[in-house]
Amino acid sequence: MTGQGASERIFQELVAEVAAGVAARYRLGPDEAAELVAPLLAGNRKLLELLAAEPDPKQVRRTRVYKSAVAAARKTV
């Protein structure tokens, strides 16, 4: 598995996690929520840089960059 593949896998895990919370809160389907959340997270350059540098999703979730990106995505949705 390449580094790019690992960061893509982590990104998809994080999108699914955030989308599940959005779906529950706004009564959306999980796929619809993921379609809303994914571009918002993908547009965050700092988050993408973090994902490229950090292979551990647990460590990513602990960072201010991740928490800020999730908060901004939830606010936008």
PDB file of N, CA and C in Angstrom:
ATOM      1  N   MET A   1       0.850  -1.179   0.000  1.00  0.00           N
ATOM      2  CA  MET A   1       0.000   0.000   0.000  1.00  0.00           C
ATOM      3  C   MET A   1       0.893   1.238   0.000  1.00  0.00           C
ATOM      4  N   THR A   2       0.590   2.164  -0.877  1.00  0.00           N
ATOM      5  CA  THR A   2       1.390   3.379  -0.958  1.00  0.00           C
ATOM      6  C   THR A   2       0.943   4.377   0.082  1.00  0.00           C
ATOM      7  N   GLY A   3       1.761   5.370   0.293  1.00  0.00           N
ATOM      8  CA  GLY A   3       1.405   6.420   1.229  1.00  0.00           C
ATOM      9  C   GLY A   3       0.138   7.150   0.814  1.00  0.00           C
ATOM     10  N   GLN A   4      -0.014   7.372  -0.504  1.00  0.00           N
ATOM     11  CA  GLN A   4      -1.209   8.038  -1.007  1.00  0.00           C
ATOM     12  C   GLN A   4      -2.441   7.189  -0.740  1.00  0.00           C
ATOM     13  N   GLY A   5      -2.335   5.882  -0.925  1.00  0.00           N
ATOM     14  CA  GLY A   5      -3.464   4.986  -0.664  1.00  0.00           C
ATOM     15  C   GLY A   5      -3.848   4.975   0.801  1.00  0.00           C
ATOM     16  N   ALA A   6      -2.871   5.027   1.667  1.00  0.00           N
ATOM     17  CA  ALA A   6      -3.137   5.041   3.106  1.00  0.00           C
ATOM     18  C   ALA A   6      -3.829   6.331   3.502  1.00  0.00           C
ATOM     19  N   SER A   7      -3.380   7.454   2.972  1.00  0.00           N
ATOM     20  CA  SER A   7      -4.021   8.714   3.334  1.00  0.00           C
ATOM     21  C   SER A   7      -5.427   8.781   2.763  1.00  0.00           C
ATOM     22  N   GLU A   8      -5.652   8.208   1.592  1.00  0.00           N
ATOM     23  CA  GLU A   8      -7.001   8.170   1.010  1.00  0.00           C
ATOM     24  C   GLU A   8      -7.925   7.299   1.859  1.00  0.00           C
ATOM     25  N   ARG A   9      -7.404   6.180   2.339  1.00  0.00           N
ATOM     26  CA  ARG A   9      -8.200   5.283   3.194  1.00  0.00           C
ATOM     27  C   ARG A   9      -8.574   5.986   4.494  1.00  0.00           C
ATOM     28  N   ILE A  10      -7.623   6.665   5.090  1.00  0.00           N
ATOM     29  CA  ILE A  10      -7.890   7.407   6.327  1.00  0.00           C
ATOM     30  C   ILE A  10      -8.895   8.515   6.068  1.00  0.00           C
ATOM     31  N   PHE A  11      -8.735   9.213   4.938  1.00  0.00           N
ATOM     32  CA  PHE A  11      -9.671  10.280   4.587  1.00  0.00           C
ATOM     33  C   PHE A  11     -11.089   9.728   4.472  1.00  0.00           C
ATOM     34  N   GLN A  12     -11.247   8.600   3.816  1.00  0.00           N
ATOM     35  CA  GLN A  12     -12.571   7.998   3.653  1.00  0.00           C
ATOM     36  C   GLN A  12     -13.156   7.572   5.003  1.00  0.00           C
ATOM     37  N   GLU A  13     -12.327   7.057   5.889  1.00  0.00           N
ATOM     38  CA  GLU A  13     -12.788   6.700   7.236  1.00  0.00           C
ATOM     39  C   GLU A  13     -13.294   7.929   7.984  1.00  0.00           C
ATOM     40  N   LEU A  14     -12.548   9.012   7.890  1.00  0.00           N
ATOM     41  CA  LEU A  14     -12.923  10.235   8.589  1.00  0.00           C
ATOM     42  C   LEU A  14     -14.197  10.837   7.989  1.00  0.00           C
ATOM     43  N   VAL A  15     -14.330  10.791   6.676  1.00  0.00           N
ATOM     44  CA  VAL A  15     -15.546  11.290   6.032  1.00  0.00           C
ATOM     45  C   VAL A  15     -16.748  10.485   6.507  1.00  0.00           C
ATOM     46  N   ALA A  16     -16.607   9.164   6.536  1.00  0.00           N
ATOM     47  CA  ALA A  16     -17.717   8.304   6.976  1.00  0.00           C
ATOM     48  C   ALA A  16     -18.100   8.605   8.421  1.00  0.00           C
ATOM     49  N   GLU A  17     -17.110   8.831   9.250  1.00  0.00           N
ATOM     50  CA  GLU A  17     -17.347   9.132  10.664  1.00  0.00           C
ATOM     51  C   GLU A  17     -18.099  10.458  10.840  1.00  0.00           C
ATOM     52  N   VAL A  18     -17.636  11.490  10.156  1.00  0.00           N
ATOM     53  CA  VAL A  18     -18.281  12.800  10.243  1.00  0.00           C
ATOM     54  C   VAL A  18     -19.670  12.741   9.607  1.00  0.00           C
ATOM     55  N   ALA A  19     -19.784  12.046   8.477  1.00  0.00           N
ATOM     56  CA  ALA A  19     -21.064  11.939   7.782  1.00  0.00           C
ATOM     57  C   ALA A  19     -22.102  11.228   8.631  1.00  0.00           C
ATOM     58  N   ALA A  20     -21.687  10.253   9.411  1.00  0.00           N
ATOM     59  CA  ALA A  20     -22.628   9.540  10.280  1.00  0.00           C
ATOM     60  C   ALA A  20     -23.238  10.501  11.299  1.00  0.00           C
ATOM     61  N   GLY A  21     -22.426  11.360  11.868  1.00  0.00           N
ATOM     62  CA  GLY A  21     -22.933  12.346  12.818  1.00  0.00           C
ATOM     63  C   GLY A  21     -23.847  13.359  12.162  1.00  0.00           C
ATOM     64  N   VAL A  22     -23.474  13.809  10.972  1.00  0.00           N
ATOM     65  CA  VAL A  22     -24.303  14.766  10.227  1.00  0.00           C
ATOM     66  C   VAL A  22     -25.624  14.118   9.835  1.00  0.00           C
ATOM     67  N   ALA A  23     -25.564  12.870   9.380  1.00  0.00           N
ATOM     68  CA  ALA A  23     -26.778  12.163   8.965  1.00  0.00           C
ATOM     69  C   ALA A  23     -27.756  12.012  10.127  1.00  0.00           C
ATOM     70  N   ALA A  24     -27.242  11.684  11.284  1.00  0.00           N
ATOM     71  CA  ALA A  24     -28.107  11.516  12.453  1.00  0.00           C
ATOM     72  C   ALA A  24     -28.712  12.849  12.888  1.00  0.00           C
ATOM     73  N   ARG A  25     -27.910  13.886  12.854  1.00  0.00           N
ATOM     74  CA  ARG A  25     -28.388  15.186  13.326  1.00  0.00           C
ATOM     75  C   ARG A  25     -29.412  15.805  12.385  1.00  0.00           C
ATOM     76  N   TYR A  26     -29.169  15.686  11.086  1.00  0.00           N
ATOM     77  CA  TYR A  26     -30.031  16.353  10.112  1.00  0.00           C
ATOM     78  C   TYR A  26     -30.966  15.395   9.384  1.00  0.00           C
ATOM     79  N   ARG A  27     -31.040  14.169   9.857  1.00  0.00           N
ATOM     80  CA  ARG A  27     -31.930  13.150   9.299  1.00  0.00           C
ATOM     81  C   ARG A  27     -31.722  12.961   7.799  1.00  0.00           C
ATOM     82  N   LEU A  28     -30.471  12.795   7.432  1.00  0.00           N
ATOM     83  CA  LEU A  28     -30.090  12.524   6.053  1.00  0.00           C
ATOM     84  C   LEU A  28     -29.650  11.077   5.949  1.00  0.00           C
ATOM     85  N   GLY A  29     -29.612  10.570   4.745  1.00  0.00           N
ATOM     86  CA  GLY A  29     -29.022   9.260   4.530  1.00  0.00           C
ATOM     87  C   GLY A  29     -27.514   9.366   4.644  1.00  0.00           C
ATOM     88  N   PRO A  30     -26.848   8.289   4.999  1.00  0.00           N
ATOM     89  CA  PRO A  30     -25.386   8.346   5.160  1.00  0.00           C
ATOM     90  C   PRO A  30     -24.663   8.709   3.865  1.00  0.00           C
ATOM     91  N   ASP A  31     -25.178   8.243   2.731  1.00  0.00           N
ATOM     92  CA  ASP A  31     -24.534   8.578   1.459  1.00  0.00           C
ATOM     93  C   ASP A  31     -24.704  10.051   1.125  1.00  0.00           C
ATOM     94  N   GLU A  32     -25.891  10.582   1.373  1.00  0.00           N
ATOM     95  CA  GLU A  32     -26.143  11.997   1.119  1.00  0.00           C
ATOM     96  C   GLU A  32     -25.267  12.873   2.024  1.00  0.00           C
ATOM     97  N   ALA A  33     -25.154  12.487   3.275  1.00  0.00           N
ATOM     98  CA  ALA A  33     -24.313  13.233   4.211  1.00  0.00           C
ATOM     99  C   ALA A  33     -22.847  13.178   3.776  1.00  0.00           C
ATOM    100  N   ALA A  34     -22.393  12.005   3.330  1.00  0.00           N
ATOM    101  CA  ALA A  34     -21.003  11.871   2.877  1.00  0.00           C
ATOM    102  C   ALA A  34     -20.745  12.746   1.655  1.00  0.00           C
ATOM    103  N   GLU A  35     -21.730  12.859   0.763  1.00  0.00           N
ATOM    104  CA  GLU A  35     -21.582  13.715  -0.418  1.00  0.00           C
ATOM    105  C   GLU A  35     -21.446  15.187  -0.025  1.00  0.00           C
ATOM    106  N   LEU A  36     -22.065  15.569   1.062  1.00  0.00           N
ATOM    107  CA  LEU A  36     -21.962  16.949   1.539  1.00  0.00           C
ATOM    108  C   LEU A  36     -20.644  17.195   2.275  1.00  0.00           C
ATOM    109  N   VAL A  37     -20.227  16.232   3.060  1.00  0.00           N
ATOM    110  CA  VAL A  37     -19.062  16.400   3.929  1.00  0.00           C
ATOM    111  C   VAL A  37     -17.744  16.236   3.177  1.00  0.00           C
ATOM    112  N   ALA A  38     -17.659  15.273   2.272  1.00  0.00           N
ATOM    113  CA  ALA A  38     -16.393  14.951   1.601  1.00  0.00           C
ATOM    114  C   ALA A  38     -15.756  16.150   0.908  1.00  0.00           C
ATOM    115  N   PRO A  39     -16.493  16.926   0.101  1.00  0.00           N
ATOM    116  CA  PRO A  39     -15.830  18.064  -0.548  1.00  0.00           C
ATOM    117  C   PRO A  39     -15.382  19.142   0.447  1.00  0.00           C
ATOM    118  N   LEU A  40     -16.099  19.273   1.539  1.00  0.00           N
ATOM    119  CA  LEU A  40     -15.717  20.268   2.540  1.00  0.00           C
ATOM    120  C   LEU A  40     -14.403  19.888   3.205  1.00  0.00           C
ATOM    121  N   LEU A  41     -14.258  18.612   3.535  1.00  0.00           N
ATOM    122  CA  LEU A  41     -13.008  18.163   4.145  1.00  0.00           C
ATOM    123  C   LEU A  41     -11.871  18.133   3.122  1.00  0.00           C
ATOM    124  N   ALA A  42     -12.202  17.745   1.888  1.00  0.00           N
ATOM    125  CA  ALA A  42     -11.176  17.671   0.839  1.00  0.00           C
ATOM    126  C   ALA A  42     -10.657  19.058   0.474  1.00  0.00           C
ATOM    127  N   GLY A  43     -11.442  20.081   0.721  1.00  0.00           N
ATOM    128  CA  GLY A  43     -11.014  21.435   0.421  1.00  0.00           C
ATOM    129  C   GLY A  43     -10.120  22.056   1.479  1.00  0.00           C
ATOM    130  N   ASN A  44      -9.908  21.342   2.562  1.00  0.00           N
ATOM    131  CA  ASN A  44      -9.069  21.860   3.640  1.00  0.00           C
ATOM    132  C   ASN A  44      -7.621  21.417   3.412  1.00  0.00           C
ATOM    133  N   ARG A  45      -6.796  22.338   2.927  1.00  0.00           N
ATOM    134  CA  ARG A  45      -5.411  22.029   2.585  1.00  0.00           C
ATOM    135  C   ARG A  45      -4.613  21.517   3.777  1.00  0.00           C
ATOM    136  N   LYS A  46      -4.804  22.127   4.936  1.00  0.00           N
ATOM    137  CA  LYS A  46      -4.049  21.711   6.130  1.00  0.00           C
ATOM    138  C   LYS A  46      -4.411  20.291   6.535  1.00  0.00           C
ATOM    139  N   LEU A  47      -5.688  19.940   6.419  1.00  0.00           N
ATOM    140  CA  LEU A  47      -6.105  18.578   6.752  1.00  0.00           C
ATOM    141  C   LEU A  47      -5.476  17.577   5.791  1.00  0.00           C
ATOM    142  N   LEU A  48      -5.452  17.893   4.508  1.00  0.00           N
ATOM    143  CA  LEU A  48      -4.844  16.991   3.528  1.00  0.00           C
ATOM    144  C   LEU A  48      -3.353  16.822   3.769  1.00  0.00           C
ATOM    145  N   GLU A  49      -2.687  17.909   4.149  1.00  0.00           N
ATOM    146  CA  GLU A  49      -1.257  17.819   4.479  1.00  0.00           C
ATOM    147  C   GLU A  49      -1.046  16.943   5.710  1.00  0.00           C
ATOM    148  N   LEU A  50      -1.920  17.090   6.692  1.00  0.00           N
ATOM    149  CA  LEU A  50      -1.832  16.270   7.896  1.00  0.00           C
ATOM    150  C   LEU A  50      -2.027  14.793   7.558  1.00  0.00           C
ATOM    151  N   LEU A  51      -3.009  14.500   6.717  1.00  0.00           N
ATOM    152  CA  LEU A  51      -3.270  13.111   6.333  1.00  0.00           C
ATOM    153  C   LEU A  51      -2.095  12.507   5.576  1.00  0.00           C
ATOM    154  N   ALA A  52      -1.422  13.312   4.777  1.00  0.00           N
ATOM    155  CA  ALA A  52      -0.258  12.822   4.035  1.00  0.00           C
ATOM    156  C   ALA A  52       0.916  12.540   4.972  1.00  0.00           C
ATOM    157  N   ALA A  53       0.998  13.291   6.071  1.00  0.00           N
ATOM    158  CA  ALA A  53       2.135  13.159   6.990  1.00  0.00           C
ATOM    159  C   ALA A  53       1.891  12.161   8.122  1.00  0.00           C
ATOM    160  N   GLU A  54       0.657  11.951   8.510  1.00  0.00           N
ATOM    161  CA  GLU A  54       0.344  11.131   9.674  1.00  0.00           C
ATOM    162  C   GLU A  54      -0.429   9.872   9.250  1.00  0.00           C
ATOM    163  N   PRO A  55       0.171   8.689   9.411  1.00  0.00           N
ATOM    164  CA  PRO A  55      -0.491   7.456   8.988  1.00  0.00           C
ATOM    165  C   PRO A  55      -1.501   6.894  10.000  1.00  0.00           C
ATOM    166  N   ASP A  56      -1.527   7.437  11.194  1.00  0.00           N
ATOM    167  CA  ASP A  56      -2.397   6.892  12.244  1.00  0.00           C
ATOM    168  C   ASP A  56      -3.668   7.733  12.384  1.00  0.00           C
ATOM    169  N   PRO A  57      -4.847   7.168  12.058  1.00  0.00           N
ATOM    170  CA  PRO A  57      -6.090   7.943  12.161  1.00  0.00           C
ATOM    171  C   PRO A  57      -6.383   8.428  13.581  1.00  0.00           C
ATOM    172  N   LYS A  58      -5.951   7.680  14.581  1.00  0.00           N
ATOM    173  CA  LYS A  58      -6.177   8.112  15.966  1.00  0.00           C
ATOM    174  C   LYS A  58      -5.426   9.404  16.263  1.00  0.00           C
ATOM    175  N   GLN A  59      -4.212   9.493  15.750  1.00  0.00           N
ATOM    176  CA  GLN A  59      -3.421  10.708  15.948  1.00  0.00           C
ATOM    177  C   GLN A  59      -4.026  11.877  15.178  1.00  0.00           C
ATOM    178  N   VAL A  60      -4.548  11.605  13.998  1.00  0.00           N
ATOM    179  CA  VAL A  60      -5.181  12.661  13.197  1.00  0.00           C
ATOM    180  C   VAL A  60      -6.370  13.236  13.950  1.00  0.00           C
ATOM    181  N   ARG A  61      -7.194  12.366  14.529  1.00  0.00           N
ATOM    182  CA  ARG A  61      -8.390  12.812  15.250  1.00  0.00           C
ATOM    183  C   ARG A  61      -8.055  13.693  16.457  1.00  0.00           C
ATOM    184  N   ARG A  62      -6.862  13.591  16.975  1.00  0.00           N
ATOM    185  CA  ARG A  62      -6.473  14.357  18.163  1.00  0.00           C
ATOM    186  C   ARG A  62      -5.973  15.760  17.835  1.00  0.00           C
ATOM    187  N   THR A  63      -5.781  16.050  16.568  1.00  0.00           N
ATOM    188  CA  THR A  63      -5.166  17.332  16.210  1.00  0.00           C
ATOM    189  C   THR A  63      -6.198  18.452  16.102  1.00  0.00           C
ATOM    190  N   ARG A  64      -5.722  19.656  16.315  1.00  0.00           N
ATOM    191  CA  ARG A  64      -6.562  20.844  16.175  1.00  0.00           C
ATOM    192  C   ARG A  64      -6.981  21.029  14.722  1.00  0.00           C
ATOM    193  N   VAL A  65      -6.101  20.679  13.790  1.00  0.00           N
ATOM    194  CA  VAL A  65      -6.421  20.810  12.359  1.00  0.00           C
ATOM    195  C   VAL A  65      -7.657  19.975  12.022  1.00  0.00           C
ATOM    196  N   TYR A  66      -7.673  18.731  12.473  1.00  0.00           N
ATOM    197  CA  TYR A  66      -8.810  17.851  12.207  1.00  0.00           C
ATOM    198  C   TYR A  66     -10.076  18.378  12.878  1.00  0.00           C
ATOM    199  N   LYS A  67      -9.966  18.731  14.129  1.00  0.00           N
ATOM    200  CA  LYS A  67     -11.144  19.204  14.869  1.00  0.00           C
ATOM    201  C   LYS A  67     -11.720  20.472  14.253  1.00  0.00           C
ATOM    202  N   SER A  68     -10.861  21.364  13.812  1.00  0.00           N
ATOM    203  CA  SER A  68     -11.325  22.593  13.165  1.00  0.00           C
ATOM    204  C   SER A  68     -11.986  22.306  11.827  1.00  0.00           C
ATOM    205  N   ALA A  69     -11.403  21.385  11.066  1.00  0.00           N
ATOM    206  CA  ALA A  69     -11.975  21.026   9.760  1.00  0.00           C
ATOM    207  C   ALA A  69     -13.356  20.390   9.923  1.00  0.00           C
ATOM    208  N   VAL A  70     -13.509  19.528  10.918  1.00  0.00           N
ATOM    209  CA  VAL A  70     -14.800  18.882  11.174  1.00  0.00           C
ATOM    210  C   VAL A  70     -15.830  19.910  11.627  1.00  0.00           C
ATOM    211  N   ALA A  71     -15.419  20.802  12.506  1.00  0.00           N
ATOM    212  CA  ALA A  71     -16.349  21.832  12.993  1.00  0.00           C
ATOM    213  C   ALA A  71     -16.806  22.728  11.842  1.00  0.00           C
ATOM    214  N   ALA A  72     -15.889  23.099  10.962  1.00  0.00           N
ATOM    215  CA  ALA A  72     -16.249  23.939   9.824  1.00  0.00           C
ATOM    216  C   ALA A  72     -17.182  23.196   8.872  1.00  0.00           C
ATOM    217  N   ALA A  73     -16.934  21.915   8.659  1.00  0.00           N
ATOM    218  CA  ALA A  73     -17.788  21.122   7.764  1.00  0.00           C
ATOM    219  C   ALA A  73     -19.193  20.998   8.352  1.00  0.00           C
ATOM    220  N   ARG A  74     -19.280  20.709   9.641  1.00  0.00           N
ATOM    221  CA  ARG A  74     -20.594  20.597  10.282  1.00  0.00           C
ATOM    222  C   ARG A  74     -21.337  21.924  10.233  1.00  0.00           C
ATOM    223  N   LYS A  75     -20.629  23.004  10.439  1.00  0.00           N
ATOM    224  CA  LYS A  75     -21.249  24.324  10.418  1.00  0.00           C
ATOM    225  C   LYS A  75     -21.787  24.646   9.025  1.00  0.00           C
ATOM    226  N   THR A  76     -21.042  24.286   8.006  1.00  0.00           N
ATOM    227  CA  THR A  76     -21.456  24.556   6.630  1.00  0.00           C
ATOM    228  C   THR A  76     -22.671  23.718   6.239  1.00  0.00           C
ATOM    229  N   VAL A  77     -22.687  22.461   6.664  1.00  0.00           N
ATOM    230  CA  VAL A  77     -23.825  21.589   6.346  1.00  0.00           C
ATOM    231  C   VAL A  77     -25.044  22.110   7.064  1.00  0.00           C
TER     232      VAL A  77
END
